[in-house]
Each structure stands twice: as C-alpha cells, then as structure tokens.
Amino acid sequence: MNVALGGTFDPVHDGHRKLFERAFELGDVTVGLTADELAPETRHVERYVRPYDRRERDLAAELAPRAEAHGREYEIRELTEPTGIAVEPEFDALIVSPETKAGGERINEIRAERGRDPLDLVVVDHVTAEDGERISSTRIVAGEIDEHGNLTPDREGRGATRPE
C-alpha cells in the first residue's frame, strides 16, 4: 500500500510521530512537506517557520528509523499547494488528523473529478499534552510545551518572525 501524509512539521512532535507510525504500519510512505512559500498560508497562527531544508533534515531523521523498523520505504516531497501530492494516482491511503479530515475529503473530491479512486482516509487521534490539551507545533513554538507535551513555563517561544 502507498500511503501519503503532509504537513509543515515544524517542529516535529509526538503527535506527528503517531501519524508517522500509523503510516508505516500500513505501507510505504510519501510525506509532503510544505514549501517555504506555502507554509505561512497553512498556519492558523502567524509564526516563524524554519526553512524547508532544515525541516526536511529533521523529518528525514524521524522517518528513517521508522521505515527501517517496519521494512518500508519513504520519500519526502515538496508541497507547493494545499492538496499536494495526494491527488496523484499512486496513493491508496491518506493519514489525517481530526482537524485535517475535511481536507482529505476535499482531496477525494478532486480525485473523483479526475476519475481516480478515493483514498482510504485514516484518522489518527491527537496526542495530549501534560495539561490535557493537544500537542501542537504552535504550542511548542509559543513555549507552552515541549515536543512530548511536557509543560515548559520557563521557556520562551520562537515568535512570529525569523530570529536574527
């Protein structure tokens, strides 16, 4: 099975790791990583997003051991539009979180318009932080929690603009 998922992954956290793990359980994985130009458009909160090459390096470091553990292949591809790679014919499943399921449904509409079979939308629940709220990159960047969801009240966040 060929599995797709996409995101900005800045920074990678335990919620992302749960998505990756589920994807590799199902098959070979292609991860669409948002291009630098697209990343700000996909944010719900304005914040600085690290450059593509740094995010790609960190993502590869997360994916490689999981691929090896499952005997799977993986590929990272640049996403330049929100529907990304998942509209392409070679995929069978799309890994989504509860808040991105609607985007997966839109991708299946586009696939239908193109005469392609729908993707199996695999919804992976959130991972909760120590305070019971979900782990998110936005919360990590704001300094509220670390990548594992531990509260970090003494840590300062990254901010909305590129650090000098």
Protein backbone atom coordinates (compact mmCIF):
# COMPACT_ATOMS: atom_id res chain seq x y z
CA MET A 1 0.00 0.00 0.00
CA ASN A 2 1.21 3.51 -0.79
CA VAL A 3 0.43 5.96 1.99
CA ALA A 4 0.59 9.75 1.88
CA LEU A 5 0.56 12.42 4.54
CA GLY A 6 1.51 16.05 4.57
CA GLY A 7 2.36 18.94 6.80
CA THR A 8 4.82 21.62 7.83
CA PHE A 9 6.34 19.57 10.67
CA ASP A 10 7.97 22.49 12.46
CA PRO A 11 8.86 21.24 14.94
CA VAL A 12 8.19 17.51 14.82
CA HIS A 13 6.39 16.34 17.98
CA ASP A 14 4.78 13.23 19.44
CA GLY A 15 1.52 13.89 17.58
CA HIS A 16 3.42 13.77 14.27
CA ARG A 17 5.26 10.66 15.42
CA LYS A 18 1.91 8.94 15.96
CA LEU A 19 0.92 9.84 12.38
CA PHE A 20 4.23 8.51 11.04
CA GLU A 21 3.93 5.28 12.99
CA ARG A 22 0.43 4.60 11.66
CA ALA A 23 1.53 5.38 8.11
CA PHE A 24 4.43 2.90 8.27
CA GLU A 25 2.15 0.24 9.75
CA LEU A 26 0.10 0.48 6.54
CA GLY A 27 2.76 0.67 3.83
CA ASP A 28 5.43 2.68 2.07
CA VAL A 29 5.16 6.35 2.95
CA THR A 30 5.41 9.58 0.99
CA VAL A 31 5.42 12.71 3.11
CA GLY A 32 4.53 16.01 1.50
CA LEU A 33 6.46 18.74 3.29
CA THR A 34 5.12 22.25 2.77
CA ALA A 35 7.28 24.53 0.67
CA ASP A 36 8.58 27.71 2.28
CA GLU A 37 6.10 29.75 0.22
CA LEU A 38 3.11 27.60 1.25
CA ALA A 39 3.95 27.17 4.94
CA PRO A 40 2.71 30.62 6.13
CA GLU A 41 -0.62 30.07 4.32
CA THR A 42 -1.26 26.86 6.24
CA ARG A 43 -0.75 28.34 9.71
CA HIS A 44 -3.70 29.16 11.95
CA VAL A 45 -1.47 31.46 13.99
CA GLU A 46 1.19 33.69 12.49
CA ARG A 47 4.59 32.35 13.46
CA TYR A 48 8.04 31.87 12.05
CA VAL A 49 8.50 28.56 10.19
CA ARG A 50 12.04 27.29 9.71
CA PRO A 51 13.36 26.90 6.14
CA TYR A 52 12.42 23.82 4.11
CA ASP A 53 15.91 22.28 4.14
CA ARG A 54 16.07 22.31 7.95
CA ARG A 55 12.56 20.89 8.29
CA GLU A 56 13.36 18.23 5.67
CA ARG A 57 16.52 17.19 7.52
CA ASP A 58 14.66 16.84 10.83
CA LEU A 59 11.80 14.99 9.16
CA ALA A 60 14.16 12.51 7.49
CA ALA A 61 15.77 11.84 10.88
CA GLU A 62 12.33 10.90 12.24
CA LEU A 63 11.22 8.83 9.25
CA ALA A 64 14.36 6.77 8.55
CA PRO A 65 14.35 4.64 11.72
CA ARG A 66 10.59 4.04 11.48
CA ALA A 67 10.87 2.95 7.85
CA GLU A 68 13.67 0.57 8.75
CA ALA A 69 11.78 -0.86 11.73
CA HIS A 70 8.77 -1.63 9.51
CA GLY A 71 10.76 -2.73 6.44
CA ARG A 72 9.24 0.13 4.43
CA GLU A 73 10.40 2.80 2.02
CA TYR A 74 9.79 6.52 2.45
CA GLU A 75 10.12 9.64 0.37
CA ILE A 76 9.83 13.33 1.24
CA ARG A 77 8.37 15.57 -1.47
CA GLU A 78 7.83 19.32 -1.52
CA LEU A 79 4.22 20.51 -1.29
CA THR A 80 3.52 23.66 -3.26
CA GLU A 81 -0.28 23.57 -2.97
CA PRO A 82 -2.57 22.53 -0.10
CA THR A 83 -4.00 19.44 -1.83
CA GLY A 84 -0.42 18.42 -2.52
CA ILE A 85 0.63 15.01 -3.70
CA ALA A 86 -2.44 13.08 -2.52
CA VAL A 87 -4.38 13.83 -5.72
CA GLU A 88 -1.80 11.79 -7.66
CA PRO A 89 -2.90 8.32 -8.76
CA GLU A 90 -0.31 6.15 -6.99
CA PHE A 91 -1.64 6.57 -3.45
CA ASP A 92 -4.06 4.27 -1.63
CA ALA A 93 -4.40 5.94 1.77
CA LEU A 94 -4.04 9.36 3.35
CA ILE A 95 -3.16 9.80 7.01
CA VAL A 96 -5.08 12.70 8.56
CA SER A 97 -5.73 14.14 11.99
CA PRO A 98 -9.26 15.03 13.14
CA GLU A 99 -8.85 18.66 12.03
CA THR A 100 -7.43 17.75 8.60
CA LYS A 101 -10.07 15.13 7.74
CA ALA A 102 -12.11 17.72 5.79
CA GLY A 103 -9.02 18.41 3.66
CA GLY A 104 -8.77 14.68 2.98
CA GLU A 105 -12.40 14.65 1.88
CA ARG A 106 -11.67 17.55 -0.48
CA ILE A 107 -8.74 15.58 -1.91
CA ASN A 108 -11.08 12.66 -2.59
CA GLU A 109 -13.47 15.02 -4.39
CA ILE A 110 -10.61 16.16 -6.64
CA ARG A 111 -9.58 12.55 -7.22
CA ALA A 112 -13.17 11.69 -8.24
CA GLU A 113 -13.24 14.63 -10.66
CA ARG A 114 -10.07 13.19 -12.22
CA GLY A 115 -11.53 9.69 -12.44
CA ARG A 116 -9.34 8.28 -9.67
CA ASP A 117 -10.32 6.00 -6.83
CA PRO A 118 -10.79 7.66 -3.43
CA LEU A 119 -8.11 7.35 -0.82
CA ASP A 120 -8.74 5.49 2.40
CA LEU A 121 -8.75 8.34 4.94
CA VAL A 122 -7.06 7.06 8.10
CA VAL A 123 -7.82 9.38 11.01
CA VAL A 124 -5.21 9.36 13.77
CA ASP A 125 -6.30 10.95 17.02
CA HIS A 126 -4.33 13.70 18.70
CA VAL A 127 -1.75 13.14 21.39
CA THR A 128 -2.49 15.09 24.53
CA ALA A 129 -0.02 17.15 26.47
CA GLU A 130 0.51 17.08 30.22
CA ASP A 131 -2.28 19.66 30.65
CA GLY A 132 -4.83 17.58 28.71
CA GLU A 133 -4.78 19.83 25.65
CA ARG A 134 -3.47 18.52 22.35
CA ILE A 135 0.19 18.71 21.43
CA SER A 136 0.76 21.12 18.55
CA SER A 137 3.72 22.78 16.90
CA THR A 138 2.11 26.15 17.60
CA ARG A 139 2.09 25.45 21.35
CA ILE A 140 5.70 24.25 21.23
CA VAL A 141 6.84 27.31 19.30
CA ALA A 142 4.95 29.54 21.76
CA GLY A 143 6.96 27.99 24.59
CA GLU A 144 3.98 26.37 26.34
CA ILE A 145 5.11 22.73 25.94
CA ASP A 146 7.97 20.66 24.59
CA GLU A 147 7.77 18.12 21.74
CA HIS A 148 6.49 15.44 24.14
CA GLY A 149 3.76 17.63 25.67
CA ASN A 150 5.52 18.46 28.92
CA LEU A 151 4.67 21.91 30.23
CA THR A 152 7.55 24.38 29.89
CA PRO A 153 6.50 27.54 31.75
CA ASP A 154 10.05 28.90 31.95
CA ARG A 155 10.80 28.58 28.23
CA GLU A 156 10.37 31.46 25.82
CA GLY A 157 8.73 30.86 22.48
CA ARG A 158 10.12 31.33 18.98
CA GLY A 159 7.94 34.27 17.95
CA ALA A 160 6.21 35.24 14.73
CA THR A 161 9.22 36.49 12.81
CA ARG A 162 12.53 34.99 11.80
CA PRO A 163 15.08 35.22 14.61
CA GLU A 164 18.07 37.41 13.85
